[in-house]
Amino acid sequence: MSEKTILVWFRNDLRIHDNEILSEAVRKADKVLPVFIFDPFYFKTDSTGALKTSSFRARFLLESVAGLRKNLQAFGADLIIRTGDPAELLPQLAEEYQVSEVYHHREVAPDETTISEAVETALWKIKLNLKHFIGHTMYHKEDLPFPIKDIPDSFVTFKKKVERDSTVRPSTVSPEAIITPQITDAGELPTLADLGVPEPIDDPRATHIFTGGETAALTQLQNYLDTCLQNNSTKGRVTCSSTLSPWLAMGCISPRQVYWEVVKFQREHQLQNLEPLMLELLWRDYFRFMFKKHGQTFFRSEGFTDEAPDVANNQDELFDQWKNGATGVPYIDAAMHELNATGFISNYSRQAVAAYLTNDLKVDWTKGALYFEEKLIDYSPASNWGNWAFIAGVGNDAKSNRFFTAAKPVAQLESKGDFISTWLPLADDSAKVSA
């Protein structure tokens, strides 16, 4: 009887812990072939010169893939790395290594599902199956108290029913060893130059330094929990930001693992200040399930409404001022300078700049969503486009504001302080631009 080899196609799941496709492949096959492909589609430049993937996110991805390879090697395995079209490369590797089946995690955004469909078609031509798994959410789709088509559009209703009627599955047990075929050419990790992406310039003002990879993700989670424990010694409920989003977006850590680590930590230390993270994970699930339910509707200017919001006649000019941090509103400009310099801003800042662009400047919200898609180190399609549609007032749920921290009106935004002076030293001298 011939040996069975399963090819594990890594995408946004660059981890060994709680990785069902890897654990299942190890359980069902004699040998496992781990593969990651750098698809040029994600590193293209549009007609305006904007990158689909910014320097900061591209570097984080390279670090994450390098980390995955290192961790696989610790299990006695390796990671095949290639650059090109997955629909061409995966069938080639499958034939070269006599693969029986290909595993991957299902995505929900159109770009990713289109690529999956092309791969599935190409594999079918050589009589191979592409098996889909679900591993990007805290709650598994099969455990929801309703089918995807009947998921409540209201986040409040979704939250109430899921928390009442569903449970989070235990994390998948990591394999003890990973046996691969004899790999003749594992491939080199490409450089940013190879991908056509310029080197990012680290800004000394950055408050967060993000290094890609599962090891860094686990360290960040522990640092977050330790910080919350220290803050808990003060009176009252103290919140602390996890800043886990870049690792969650790249799949260096799973939301399910974060959930169970937080639950364990709460039980051990009787903490009461970790609920905000749980709520963020639930929002993340919600937007992903909404993408699965509604798909392309999230990319339309009119969103879920009958008509797109009115836009200013000079919206292109106003958009340029916004993205360059030249609106004359100190907080907005400081936040955009931070985004451009680091690839990351706080959730509050994201809501503030999004609300200002759409509500005050009257610019098409999809321009802002596309700009975030380029710049954010933690870009995740469902969360990004879902949040923008929500703030622009064209989302699928207009009644859950009490769970969504709405940004303050411009007049109430801080105009002085450490954040402003750090990211916009000359804020007081800037000339305010009229919307």
Protein backbone atom coordinates (compact mmCIF):
# COMPACT_ATOMS: atom_id res chain seq x y z
CA MET A 1 0.00 0.00 0.00
CA SER A 2 1.44 3.37 -1.05
CA GLU A 3 2.07 6.14 1.40
CA LYS A 4 -0.45 8.97 1.67
CA THR A 5 0.89 12.53 1.44
CA ILE A 6 -1.29 15.59 2.17
CA LEU A 7 -0.20 19.03 1.03
CA VAL A 8 -0.99 21.74 3.61
CA TRP A 9 -1.41 25.09 1.86
CA PHE A 10 -0.72 27.82 4.41
CA ARG A 11 -2.26 31.24 3.79
CA ASN A 12 -3.52 33.38 6.69
CA ASP A 13 -2.89 30.62 9.22
CA LEU A 14 0.86 30.85 9.82
CA ARG A 15 1.00 28.84 13.03
CA ILE A 16 1.37 25.35 14.46
CA HIS A 17 -0.78 25.76 17.60
CA ASP A 18 -4.54 25.32 17.04
CA ASN A 19 -4.09 24.70 13.32
CA GLU A 20 -6.67 22.13 12.28
CA ILE A 21 -5.42 21.60 8.73
CA LEU A 22 -1.93 20.78 9.99
CA SER A 23 -3.07 18.54 12.85
CA GLU A 24 -5.62 16.76 10.67
CA ALA A 25 -3.07 16.19 7.90
CA VAL A 26 -0.61 14.73 10.41
CA ARG A 27 -3.35 12.44 11.76
CA LYS A 28 -4.62 11.21 8.38
CA ALA A 29 -1.48 11.03 6.23
CA ASP A 30 1.84 9.25 6.37
CA LYS A 31 3.60 12.42 5.31
CA VAL A 32 2.71 16.11 5.21
CA LEU A 33 3.97 18.69 2.71
CA PRO A 34 3.74 22.24 4.16
CA VAL A 35 3.65 24.95 1.45
CA PHE A 36 3.44 28.74 1.40
CA ILE A 37 3.16 30.71 -1.85
CA PHE A 38 3.86 34.42 -2.24
CA ASP A 39 1.23 35.41 -4.78
CA PRO A 40 2.29 38.47 -6.89
CA PHE A 41 -1.39 39.50 -6.89
CA TYR A 42 -0.98 40.81 -3.35
CA PHE A 43 2.09 42.89 -4.15
CA LYS A 44 0.91 44.71 -7.25
CA THR A 45 0.77 48.48 -7.64
CA ASP A 46 -2.32 50.24 -9.01
CA SER A 47 -2.45 53.06 -11.53
CA THR A 48 -2.00 55.68 -8.79
CA GLY A 49 1.16 54.02 -7.48
CA ALA A 50 -0.53 52.62 -4.38
CA LEU A 51 0.58 49.19 -3.21
CA LYS A 52 -1.97 46.48 -2.46
CA THR A 53 0.25 45.48 0.48
CA SER A 54 2.28 48.14 2.27
CA SER A 55 5.91 47.79 3.25
CA PHE A 56 5.10 47.25 6.93
CA ARG A 57 2.58 44.47 6.26
CA ALA A 58 4.82 42.83 3.66
CA ARG A 59 7.72 42.77 6.12
CA PHE A 60 5.47 41.37 8.84
CA LEU A 61 4.37 38.63 6.42
CA LEU A 62 7.97 37.72 5.57
CA GLU A 63 8.80 37.50 9.27
CA SER A 64 5.72 35.37 9.88
CA VAL A 65 6.56 32.92 7.09
CA ALA A 66 10.17 32.72 8.31
CA GLY A 67 8.85 32.02 11.81
CA LEU A 68 6.57 29.28 10.52
CA ARG A 69 9.46 27.60 8.71
CA LYS A 70 11.63 27.76 11.83
CA ASN A 71 8.89 26.29 14.00
CA LEU A 72 8.19 23.52 11.48
CA GLN A 73 11.88 22.67 11.42
CA ALA A 74 11.75 22.26 15.20
CA PHE A 75 9.19 19.49 14.54
CA GLY A 76 11.51 17.80 12.07
CA ALA A 77 9.72 19.23 9.04
CA ASP A 78 10.26 22.14 6.64
CA LEU A 79 8.24 24.66 4.65
CA ILE A 80 8.30 24.79 0.86
CA ILE A 81 8.30 28.45 -0.22
CA ARG A 82 7.48 29.55 -3.75
CA THR A 83 6.55 32.80 -5.51
CA GLY A 84 3.93 32.76 -8.25
CA ASP A 85 0.36 31.77 -9.06
CA PRO A 86 -0.97 29.18 -6.56
CA ALA A 87 -3.19 27.68 -9.29
CA GLU A 88 -0.05 26.83 -11.27
CA LEU A 89 2.38 25.98 -8.47
CA LEU A 90 0.20 23.81 -6.23
CA PRO A 91 -0.67 21.25 -8.94
CA GLN A 92 3.04 21.12 -9.90
CA LEU A 93 4.08 20.42 -6.30
CA ALA A 94 1.23 17.95 -5.86
CA GLU A 95 2.43 15.92 -8.84
CA GLU A 96 6.11 16.21 -7.91
CA TYR A 97 5.51 14.87 -4.38
CA GLN A 98 2.68 12.46 -5.31
CA VAL A 99 0.18 14.25 -3.10
CA SER A 100 -3.17 12.58 -2.37
CA GLU A 101 -5.09 15.68 -1.21
CA VAL A 102 -4.63 19.39 -0.51
CA TYR A 103 -5.85 21.08 2.70
CA HIS A 104 -6.45 24.77 3.27
CA HIS A 105 -8.50 27.14 5.41
CA ARG A 106 -11.52 28.68 3.73
CA GLU A 107 -11.55 32.48 3.30
CA VAL A 108 -14.57 34.77 2.91
CA ALA A 109 -13.40 37.86 0.96
CA PRO A 110 -13.75 37.86 -2.86
CA ASP A 111 -10.02 38.13 -3.70
CA GLU A 112 -9.19 35.14 -1.52
CA THR A 113 -12.16 32.99 -2.56
CA THR A 114 -11.42 33.64 -6.25
CA ILE A 115 -7.87 32.35 -5.74
CA SER A 116 -9.20 29.28 -3.90
CA GLU A 117 -11.64 28.55 -6.71
CA ALA A 118 -8.86 28.77 -9.30
CA VAL A 119 -6.73 26.37 -7.27
CA GLU A 120 -9.64 23.99 -6.80
CA THR A 121 -10.29 23.95 -10.55
CA ALA A 122 -6.61 23.38 -11.34
CA LEU A 123 -6.34 20.52 -8.84
CA TRP A 124 -9.51 18.91 -10.10
CA LYS A 125 -7.93 18.66 -13.56
CA ILE A 126 -5.35 16.30 -12.08
CA LYS A 127 -8.05 14.53 -10.06
CA LEU A 128 -7.08 16.00 -6.68
CA ASN A 129 -9.41 17.39 -4.05
CA LEU A 130 -8.97 20.74 -2.27
CA LYS A 131 -10.43 20.21 1.18
CA HIS A 132 -11.73 23.31 2.95
CA PHE A 133 -11.45 23.88 6.70
CA ILE A 134 -12.82 26.67 8.90
CA GLY A 135 -10.25 28.09 11.29
CA HIS A 136 -10.31 31.88 11.37
CA THR A 137 -13.06 32.51 13.92
CA MET A 138 -13.52 32.13 17.66
CA TYR A 139 -16.90 30.39 17.23
CA HIS A 140 -16.99 27.63 14.62
CA LYS A 141 -19.59 28.13 11.91
CA GLU A 142 -21.11 24.71 12.61
CA ASP A 143 -21.66 25.64 16.28
CA LEU A 144 -23.72 28.78 15.62
CA PRO A 145 -27.40 28.60 16.64
CA PHE A 146 -28.40 29.47 13.05
CA PRO A 147 -27.21 28.77 9.49
CA ILE A 148 -25.13 31.47 7.78
CA LYS A 149 -28.06 32.65 5.66
CA ASP A 150 -30.12 33.27 8.81
CA ILE A 151 -27.45 34.95 10.96
CA PRO A 152 -29.00 38.10 12.50
CA ASP A 153 -27.70 41.26 10.85
CA SER A 154 -27.98 43.00 14.21
CA PHE A 155 -24.78 42.61 16.21
CA VAL A 156 -26.75 42.92 19.46
CA THR A 157 -28.98 39.99 18.48
CA PHE A 158 -26.02 38.01 17.14
CA LYS A 159 -24.08 38.55 20.38
CA LYS A 160 -27.02 37.61 22.62
CA LYS A 161 -27.87 34.39 20.79
CA VAL A 162 -24.29 33.22 20.26
CA GLU A 163 -23.25 33.80 23.86
CA ARG A 164 -26.41 32.07 25.10
CA ASP A 165 -26.56 29.09 22.73
CA SER A 166 -23.01 28.45 21.46
CA THR A 167 -19.70 27.45 22.98
CA VAL A 168 -16.15 27.95 21.79
CA ARG A 169 -14.53 24.67 20.81
CA PRO A 170 -11.33 23.57 22.55
CA SER A 171 -8.13 24.41 20.69
CA THR A 172 -6.83 21.74 18.32
CA VAL A 173 -4.02 19.73 19.87
CA SER A 174 -0.65 20.43 18.21
CA PRO A 175 1.11 17.49 16.54
CA GLU A 176 3.98 15.81 18.35
CA ALA A 177 5.98 15.39 15.14
CA ILE A 178 5.56 16.28 11.48
CA ILE A 179 6.95 13.90 8.87
CA THR A 180 7.54 15.34 5.40
CA PRO A 181 8.63 13.70 2.16
CA GLN A 182 12.25 14.18 1.13
CA ILE A 183 12.16 17.82 0.05
CA THR A 184 14.62 18.49 -2.76
CA ASP A 185 14.16 22.27 -2.96
CA ALA A 186 12.48 24.03 -0.04
CA GLY A 187 12.99 27.43 -1.68
CA GLU A 188 14.36 30.69 -0.34
CA LEU A 189 12.34 33.32 1.45
CA PRO A 190 11.98 36.24 -0.99
CA THR A 191 13.15 39.71 -0.06
CA LEU A 192 10.93 42.78 -0.14
CA ALA A 193 12.81 43.82 -3.29
CA ASP A 194 11.94 40.47 -4.87
CA LEU A 195 8.27 41.22 -4.19
CA GLY A 196 8.57 44.76 -5.58
CA VAL A 197 7.93 46.35 -2.18
CA PRO A 198 10.21 49.09 -0.77
CA GLU A 199 11.85 48.64 2.62
CA PRO A 200 9.82 50.24 5.42
CA ILE A 201 11.42 53.00 7.45
CA ASP A 202 10.88 52.50 11.16
CA ASP A 203 9.83 55.67 12.92
CA PRO A 204 11.38 56.23 16.37
CA ARG A 205 8.06 57.71 17.56
CA ALA A 206 6.23 54.39 17.11
CA THR A 207 4.75 53.06 20.36
CA HIS A 208 4.28 49.53 19.00
CA ILE A 209 6.94 47.40 17.32
CA PHE A 210 5.44 44.43 15.51
CA THR A 211 7.52 41.39 14.63
CA GLY A 212 5.74 38.70 12.65
CA GLY A 213 5.47 35.06 13.59
CA GLU A 214 3.79 32.66 15.99
CA THR A 215 6.51 32.96 18.63
CA ALA A 216 6.12 36.74 18.76
CA ALA A 217 2.32 36.35 18.89
CA LEU A 218 2.48 34.08 21.92
CA THR A 219 4.89 36.49 23.61
CA GLN A 220 2.57 39.42 22.91
CA LEU A 221 -0.42 37.56 24.36
CA GLN A 222 1.50 36.80 27.55
CA ASN A 223 2.70 40.41 27.82
CA TYR A 224 -0.88 41.60 27.44
CA LEU A 225 -2.13 39.28 30.17
CA ASP A 226 0.71 40.28 32.50
CA THR A 227 -0.05 43.97 31.89
CA CYS A 228 -3.73 43.42 32.66
CA LEU A 229 -2.77 41.62 35.87
CA GLN A 230 -0.57 44.54 36.94
CA ASN A 231 -3.30 47.05 36.12
CA ASN A 232 -5.83 45.02 38.05
CA SER A 233 -4.12 45.99 41.31
CA THR A 234 -5.69 49.43 40.98
CA LYS A 235 -9.31 50.07 41.94
CA GLY A 236 -12.06 49.77 39.37
CA ARG A 237 -12.10 48.17 35.93
CA VAL A 238 -8.90 48.88 34.03
CA THR A 239 -8.73 48.13 30.34
CA CYS A 240 -5.55 47.39 28.46
CA SER A 241 -5.08 47.03 24.71
CA SER A 242 -3.85 43.67 23.45
CA THR A 243 -2.57 44.94 20.05
CA LEU A 244 -2.85 41.32 18.89
CA SER A 245 -4.60 42.28 15.66
CA PRO A 246 -1.56 41.98 13.31
CA TRP A 247 -0.92 38.41 14.46
CA LEU A 248 -4.62 37.53 14.33
CA ALA A 249 -4.92 38.93 10.80
CA MET A 250 -1.97 36.83 9.59
CA GLY A 251 -3.09 33.78 11.55
CA CYS A 252 0.07 33.63 13.67
CA ILE A 253 -2.31 32.99 16.55
CA SER A 254 -5.94 31.88 16.43
CA PRO A 255 -8.84 33.77 18.06
CA ARG A 256 -9.83 30.48 19.69
CA GLN A 257 -6.43 30.12 21.36
CA VAL A 258 -6.59 33.73 22.55
CA TYR A 259 -10.07 33.07 23.98
CA TRP A 260 -9.02 30.03 25.98
CA GLU A 261 -5.81 31.61 27.24
CA VAL A 262 -7.83 34.60 28.45
CA VAL A 263 -10.45 32.34 30.10
CA LYS A 264 -7.69 30.39 31.86
CA PHE A 265 -5.98 33.58 33.01
CA GLN A 266 -9.24 35.05 34.30
CA ARG A 267 -9.94 31.93 36.34
CA GLU A 268 -6.45 31.82 37.81
CA HIS A 269 -6.29 35.51 38.75
CA GLN A 270 -10.00 36.46 39.05
CA LEU A 271 -9.56 39.30 36.58
CA GLN A 272 -12.50 41.44 35.50
CA ASN A 273 -10.83 43.66 32.91
CA LEU A 274 -10.45 41.34 29.91
CA GLU A 275 -14.00 41.54 28.55
CA PRO A 276 -13.09 44.24 25.98
CA LEU A 277 -10.79 41.77 24.22
CA MET A 278 -13.53 39.13 24.18
CA LEU A 279 -15.90 41.69 22.67
CA GLU A 280 -13.35 42.58 19.98
CA LEU A 281 -12.98 38.89 19.09
CA LEU A 282 -16.77 38.61 18.81
CA TRP A 283 -16.94 41.67 16.53
CA ARG A 284 -14.24 40.03 14.43
CA ASP A 285 -16.34 36.85 14.13
CA TYR A 286 -19.45 38.87 13.36
CA PHE A 287 -17.93 40.75 10.44
CA ARG A 288 -16.44 37.55 9.03
CA PHE A 289 -19.82 35.79 9.17
CA MET A 290 -21.48 38.86 7.65
CA PHE A 291 -18.99 38.67 4.76
CA LYS A 292 -19.88 35.02 4.31
CA LYS A 293 -23.57 35.96 4.24
CA HIS A 294 -23.50 39.17 2.18
CA GLY A 295 -20.24 39.11 0.22
CA GLN A 296 -19.79 41.84 -2.39
CA THR A 297 -22.37 44.17 -0.84
CA PHE A 298 -19.69 45.39 1.58
CA PHE A 299 -17.64 46.87 -1.29
CA ARG A 300 -20.37 49.07 -2.79
CA SER A 301 -20.49 52.78 -2.02
CA GLU A 302 -24.19 52.42 -1.21
CA GLY A 303 -23.50 49.33 0.90
CA PHE A 304 -26.77 47.93 2.24
CA THR A 305 -28.73 51.10 1.48
CA ASP A 306 -30.54 52.18 -1.67
CA GLU A 307 -28.25 55.11 -2.40
CA ALA A 308 -24.64 56.01 -1.69
CA PRO A 309 -24.04 58.93 0.69
CA ASP A 310 -23.60 62.35 -0.90
CA VAL A 311 -20.00 63.32 -1.65
CA ALA A 312 -18.30 66.69 -2.01
CA ASN A 313 -17.56 68.04 -5.47
CA ASN A 314 -13.85 68.24 -4.60
CA GLN A 315 -13.69 64.88 -2.83
CA ASP A 316 -10.43 63.88 -4.52
CA GLU A 317 -8.70 66.97 -3.16
CA LEU A 318 -10.19 66.43 0.29
CA PHE A 319 -9.18 62.78 0.27
CA ASP A 320 -5.57 63.72 -0.50
CA GLN A 321 -5.57 66.16 2.42
CA TRP A 322 -6.98 63.44 4.68
CA LYS A 323 -4.53 60.70 3.73
CA ASN A 324 -1.57 63.08 3.98
CA GLY A 325 -2.62 64.41 7.39
CA ALA A 326 -3.20 67.92 6.08
CA THR A 327 -6.82 68.62 7.03
CA GLY A 328 -5.96 71.16 9.70
CA VAL A 329 -7.73 69.15 12.42
CA PRO A 330 -4.92 68.27 14.86
CA TYR A 331 -6.13 64.87 16.05
CA ILE A 332 -7.10 63.65 12.57
CA ASP A 333 -3.80 64.79 11.06
CA ALA A 334 -1.76 63.29 13.90
CA ALA A 335 -3.52 59.94 13.51
CA MET A 336 -2.94 59.88 9.75
CA HIS A 337 0.74 60.77 10.21
CA GLU A 338 1.03 57.86 12.64
CA LEU A 339 -0.71 55.49 10.22
CA ASN A 340 1.52 56.50 7.33
CA ALA A 341 4.67 56.24 9.45
CA THR A 342 3.95 52.93 11.20
CA GLY A 343 1.09 51.04 9.53
CA PHE A 344 -0.86 51.01 12.79
CA ILE A 345 -3.22 53.26 14.77
CA SER A 346 -5.56 52.56 17.66
CA ASN A 347 -9.15 51.47 17.14
CA TYR A 348 -10.33 54.84 18.44
CA SER A 349 -8.14 56.67 15.93
CA ARG A 350 -9.45 54.50 13.10
CA GLN A 351 -13.01 55.38 13.96
CA ALA A 352 -12.17 59.07 14.33
CA VAL A 353 -10.43 59.42 10.97
CA ALA A 354 -13.07 57.28 9.21
CA ALA A 355 -15.94 59.31 10.65
CA TYR A 356 -14.20 62.55 9.72
CA LEU A 357 -13.57 61.45 6.13
CA THR A 358 -17.12 60.26 5.54
CA ASN A 359 -19.24 62.57 7.68
CA ASP A 360 -17.28 65.84 7.68
CA LEU A 361 -15.34 65.82 4.42
CA LYS A 362 -18.09 63.97 2.52
CA VAL A 363 -15.66 61.67 0.72
CA ASP A 364 -16.72 58.27 -0.62
CA TRP A 365 -16.02 55.90 2.27
CA THR A 366 -14.65 53.19 -0.03
CA LYS A 367 -11.64 55.43 -0.76
CA GLY A 368 -10.79 55.36 2.93
CA ALA A 369 -11.35 51.60 3.18
CA LEU A 370 -8.99 51.03 0.23
CA TYR A 371 -6.38 53.28 1.81
CA PHE A 372 -6.57 51.29 5.04
CA GLU A 373 -6.30 48.10 2.99
CA GLU A 374 -2.98 49.33 1.67
CA LYS A 375 -1.53 50.80 4.85
CA LEU A 376 -2.66 48.70 7.80
CA ILE A 377 -0.24 46.10 9.08
CA ASP A 378 -3.24 44.24 10.54
CA TYR A 379 -5.50 44.48 7.50
CA SER A 380 -8.27 41.90 7.50
CA PRO A 381 -10.88 42.28 4.73
CA ALA A 382 -14.04 41.54 6.71
CA SER A 383 -13.11 43.68 9.73
CA ASN A 384 -11.83 46.57 7.62
CA TRP A 385 -14.70 46.83 5.16
CA GLY A 386 -17.31 45.94 7.76
CA ASN A 387 -16.11 48.68 10.10
CA TRP A 388 -15.93 51.29 7.35
CA ALA A 389 -19.44 50.49 6.09
CA PHE A 390 -20.71 50.68 9.68
CA ILE A 391 -19.15 54.10 10.28
CA ALA A 392 -20.34 55.41 6.90
CA GLY A 393 -23.90 54.47 7.84
CA VAL A 394 -24.33 51.98 4.97
CA GLY A 395 -23.63 48.77 6.90
CA ASN A 396 -25.97 45.86 7.50
CA ASP A 397 -26.75 46.94 11.09
CA ALA A 398 -27.50 50.47 12.20
CA LYS A 399 -28.76 49.65 15.71
CA SER A 400 -25.73 48.39 17.60
CA ASN A 401 -23.97 51.64 18.44
CA ARG A 402 -23.85 50.90 22.15
CA PHE A 403 -21.41 48.09 21.34
CA PHE A 404 -19.46 50.21 18.87
CA THR A 405 -17.43 53.08 20.31
CA ALA A 406 -18.52 55.90 18.06
CA ALA A 407 -15.90 58.57 17.40
CA LYS A 408 -16.43 62.00 18.91
CA PRO A 409 -17.45 64.97 16.77
CA VAL A 410 -14.50 67.00 15.49
CA ALA A 411 -15.14 69.77 18.01
CA GLN A 412 -14.68 67.28 20.87
CA LEU A 413 -11.46 65.70 19.62
CA GLU A 414 -8.36 66.62 21.57
CA SER A 415 -6.31 69.36 19.95
CA LYS A 416 -3.36 69.30 22.34
CA GLY A 417 -1.53 66.65 24.31
CA ASP A 418 1.26 64.11 24.01
CA PHE A 419 -0.29 62.29 21.05
CA ILE A 420 -0.70 65.50 19.08
CA SER A 421 2.74 66.85 19.93
CA THR A 422 4.36 63.51 19.06
CA TRP A 423 2.77 63.03 15.67
CA LEU A 424 2.00 66.60 14.70
CA PRO A 425 4.55 68.93 16.37
CA LEU A 426 3.43 71.91 14.29
CA ALA A 427 -0.29 71.28 14.73
CA ASP A 428 -0.98 74.72 16.17
CA ASP A 429 0.51 76.36 13.10
CA SER A 430 -1.42 74.35 10.52
CA ALA A 431 -4.07 76.15 8.58
CA LYS A 432 -7.46 74.59 9.03
CA VAL A 433 -8.92 73.29 5.80
CA SER A 434 -12.60 73.84 5.23
CA ALA A 435 -14.59 70.74 4.40
